């Protein structure tokens, strides 16, 4: 599994509009791509940053999905403070879920 992190700079006064575009346009478009597993979208309102982390089943599907990024960025160009798109891809090497604790278990 791979994780792709994409960060953009957003005009602070356009952050709510950016969030709407993420929810209504970008996220569904990305989710429809082959190999998409799941994703998270975050914003830093004070810093004017918006970041997505999407998880992909394999390198081929993650790489193929990159062709979608310029179109998605173009569709939100009016809310961007910069045309720069920062993108990194990471191999997932561990995934942690909450540990269920028994009421009878003693603390360690």
C-alpha atoms as a PDB file:
ATOM      1  CA  UNK A   1       0.000   0.000   0.000  1.00  0.00           C
ATOM      2  CA  UNK A   2       1.147   3.536  -0.759  1.00  0.00           C
ATOM      3  CA  UNK A   3       0.242   6.898   0.754  1.00  0.00           C
ATOM      4  CA  UNK A   4       0.328  10.043  -1.359  1.00  0.00           C
ATOM      5  CA  UNK A   5       0.515  13.400   0.417  1.00  0.00           C
ATOM      6  CA  UNK A   6      -0.479  16.484  -1.592  1.00  0.00           C
ATOM      7  CA  UNK A   7      -0.344  20.002  -0.117  1.00  0.00           C
ATOM      8  CA  UNK A   8      -1.545  23.257  -1.658  1.00  0.00           C
ATOM      9  CA  UNK A   9      -1.601  26.894  -0.496  1.00  0.00           C
ATOM     10  CA  UNK A  10      -5.084  28.362  -0.272  1.00  0.00           C
ATOM     11  CA  UNK A  11      -6.185  31.989  -0.047  1.00  0.00           C
ATOM     12  CA  UNK A  12      -7.309  32.248   3.602  1.00  0.00           C
ATOM     13  CA  UNK A  13     -10.586  33.932   2.629  1.00  0.00           C
ATOM     14  CA  UNK A  14     -11.295  31.055   0.204  1.00  0.00           C
ATOM     15  CA  UNK A  15     -10.702  28.159   2.623  1.00  0.00           C
ATOM     16  CA  UNK A  16     -14.398  27.277   3.039  1.00  0.00           C
ATOM     17  CA  UNK A  17     -14.800  27.204  -0.738  1.00  0.00           C
ATOM     18  CA  UNK A  18     -11.695  25.000  -0.994  1.00  0.00           C
ATOM     19  CA  UNK A  19     -13.207  22.582   1.535  1.00  0.00           C
ATOM     20  CA  UNK A  20     -16.418  22.426  -0.509  1.00  0.00           C
ATOM     21  CA  UNK A  21     -14.443  21.644  -3.659  1.00  0.00           C
ATOM     22  CA  UNK A  22     -12.551  18.883  -1.813  1.00  0.00           C
ATOM     23  CA  UNK A  23     -15.775  17.321  -0.536  1.00  0.00           C
ATOM     24  CA  UNK A  24     -17.979  17.728  -3.589  1.00  0.00           C
ATOM     25  CA  UNK A  25     -15.558  17.361  -6.513  1.00  0.00           C
ATOM     26  CA  UNK A  26     -12.029  16.209  -5.714  1.00  0.00           C
ATOM     27  CA  UNK A  27     -12.689  13.490  -3.137  1.00  0.00           C
ATOM     28  CA  UNK A  28     -15.369  11.703  -5.222  1.00  0.00           C
ATOM     29  CA  UNK A  29     -13.182  11.959  -8.337  1.00  0.00           C
ATOM     30  CA  UNK A  30     -10.197  10.454  -6.519  1.00  0.00           C
ATOM     31  CA  UNK A  31     -12.326   7.767  -4.852  1.00  0.00           C
ATOM     32  CA  UNK A  32     -13.527   6.585  -8.273  1.00  0.00           C
ATOM     33  CA  UNK A  33      -9.969   5.813  -9.408  1.00  0.00           C
ATOM     34  CA  UNK A  34      -8.844   2.167  -9.589  1.00  0.00           C
ATOM     35  CA  UNK A  35      -6.770   1.108  -6.598  1.00  0.00           C
ATOM     36  CA  UNK A  36      -8.002   3.888  -4.288  1.00  0.00           C
ATOM     37  CA  UNK A  37      -8.299   2.551  -0.724  1.00  0.00           C
ATOM     38  CA  UNK A  38      -9.204   5.600   1.376  1.00  0.00           C
ATOM     39  CA  UNK A  39      -8.213   9.183   2.023  1.00  0.00           C
ATOM     40  CA  UNK A  40      -8.121  12.030   4.498  1.00  0.00           C
ATOM     41  CA  UNK A  41      -8.268  15.753   3.781  1.00  0.00           C
ATOM     42  CA  UNK A  42      -6.994  18.353   6.262  1.00  0.00           C
ATOM     43  CA  UNK A  43      -6.730  22.130   6.346  1.00  0.00           C
ATOM     44  CA  UNK A  44      -4.692  24.606   8.356  1.00  0.00           C
ATOM     45  CA  UNK A  45      -6.927  27.670   8.239  1.00  0.00           C
ATOM     46  CA  UNK A  46      -4.366  29.995   9.831  1.00  0.00           C
ATOM     47  CA  UNK A  47      -1.515  28.832   7.607  1.00  0.00           C
ATOM     48  CA  UNK A  48      -3.661  28.624   4.473  1.00  0.00           C
ATOM     49  CA  UNK A  49      -2.648  25.033   3.727  1.00  0.00           C
ATOM     50  CA  UNK A  50      -4.781  22.157   2.530  1.00  0.00           C
ATOM     51  CA  UNK A  51      -3.394  18.625   2.530  1.00  0.00           C
ATOM     52  CA  UNK A  52      -4.746  15.340   1.289  1.00  0.00           C
ATOM     53  CA  UNK A  53      -3.407  11.918   2.176  1.00  0.00           C
ATOM     54  CA  UNK A  54      -4.731   9.194  -0.074  1.00  0.00           C
ATOM     55  CA  UNK A  55      -3.976   5.501   0.210  1.00  0.00           C
ATOM     56  CA  UNK A  56      -3.511   3.281  -2.829  1.00  0.00           C
ATOM     57  CA  UNK A  57      -3.466  -0.502  -3.182  1.00  0.00           C
ATOM     58  CA  UNK A  58      -0.419  -0.563  -5.474  1.00  0.00           C
ATOM     59  CA  UNK A  59       2.183   1.619  -7.183  1.00  0.00           C
ATOM     60  CA  UNK A  60       0.665   1.286 -10.650  1.00  0.00           C
ATOM     61  CA  UNK A  61      -2.742   2.634  -9.598  1.00  0.00           C
ATOM     62  CA  UNK A  62      -1.189   5.405  -7.492  1.00  0.00           C
ATOM     63  CA  UNK A  63       1.005   6.481 -10.394  1.00  0.00           C
ATOM     64  CA  UNK A  64      -1.855   6.350 -12.897  1.00  0.00           C
ATOM     65  CA  UNK A  65      -4.022   8.468 -10.599  1.00  0.00           C
ATOM     66  CA  UNK A  66      -1.471  11.296 -10.708  1.00  0.00           C
ATOM     67  CA  UNK A  67      -2.745  12.208 -14.178  1.00  0.00           C
ATOM     68  CA  UNK A  68      -5.936  13.373 -12.421  1.00  0.00           C
ATOM     69  CA  UNK A  69      -4.146  15.906 -10.176  1.00  0.00           C
ATOM     70  CA  UNK A  70      -3.576  18.764 -12.692  1.00  0.00           C
ATOM     71  CA  UNK A  71      -7.257  18.724 -13.662  1.00  0.00           C
ATOM     72  CA  UNK A  72      -8.361  18.826 -10.025  1.00  0.00           C
ATOM     73  CA  UNK A  73      -5.941  21.664  -9.231  1.00  0.00           C
ATOM     74  CA  UNK A  74      -7.102  23.584 -12.318  1.00  0.00           C
ATOM     75  CA  UNK A  75     -10.689  23.348 -11.082  1.00  0.00           C
ATOM     76  CA  UNK A  76      -9.744  25.048  -7.829  1.00  0.00           C
ATOM     77  CA  UNK A  77      -7.234  27.574  -9.203  1.00  0.00           C
ATOM     78  CA  UNK A  78      -9.435  30.500  -8.098  1.00  0.00           C
ATOM     79  CA  UNK A  79      -9.012  29.532  -4.416  1.00  0.00           C
ATOM     80  CA  UNK A  80      -5.267  28.913  -4.555  1.00  0.00           C
ATOM     81  CA  UNK A  81      -2.678  31.351  -3.191  1.00  0.00           C
ATOM     82  CA  UNK A  82       0.052  29.613  -5.226  1.00  0.00           C
ATOM     83  CA  UNK A  83       0.180  27.332  -8.247  1.00  0.00           C
ATOM     84  CA  UNK A  84       2.735  25.121  -6.472  1.00  0.00           C
ATOM     85  CA  UNK A  85       1.550  21.623  -5.602  1.00  0.00           C
ATOM     86  CA  UNK A  86       3.737  19.696  -3.175  1.00  0.00           C
ATOM     87  CA  UNK A  87       3.458  15.958  -3.613  1.00  0.00           C
ATOM     88  CA  UNK A  88       5.182  12.998  -1.978  1.00  0.00           C
ATOM     89  CA  UNK A  89       4.477   9.285  -2.065  1.00  0.00           C
ATOM     90  CA  UNK A  90       5.357   6.896   0.737  1.00  0.00           C
ATOM     91  CA  UNK A  91       5.294   3.146   1.153  1.00  0.00           C
ATOM     92  CA  UNK A  92       3.076   2.121   4.070  1.00  0.00           C
ATOM     93  CA  UNK A  93       5.144  -0.106   6.364  1.00  0.00           C
ATOM     94  CA  UNK A  94       2.877  -0.325   9.401  1.00  0.00           C
ATOM     95  CA  UNK A  95      -0.755   0.366  10.201  1.00  0.00           C
ATOM     96  CA  UNK A  96      -1.977   0.682  13.785  1.00  0.00           C
ATOM     97  CA  UNK A  97      -5.549   0.454  15.000  1.00  0.00           C
ATOM     98  CA  UNK A  98      -6.792   1.053  18.546  1.00  0.00           C
ATOM     99  CA  UNK A  99      -5.983  -1.738  20.942  1.00  0.00           C
ATOM    100  CA  UNK A 100      -9.033  -3.181  22.658  1.00  0.00           C
ATOM    101  CA  UNK A 101      -8.569  -3.239  26.387  1.00  0.00           C
ATOM    102  CA  UNK A 102     -10.282  -5.694  28.652  1.00  0.00           C
ATOM    103  CA  UNK A 103     -11.691  -4.319  31.911  1.00  0.00           C
ATOM    104  CA  UNK A 104      -9.913  -7.167  33.670  1.00  0.00           C
ATOM    105  CA  UNK A 105      -6.547  -6.512  32.047  1.00  0.00           C
ATOM    106  CA  UNK A 106      -3.982  -5.021  34.333  1.00  0.00           C
ATOM    107  CA  UNK A 107      -2.028  -1.960  33.231  1.00  0.00           C
ATOM    108  CA  UNK A 108       1.526  -2.560  32.136  1.00  0.00           C
END
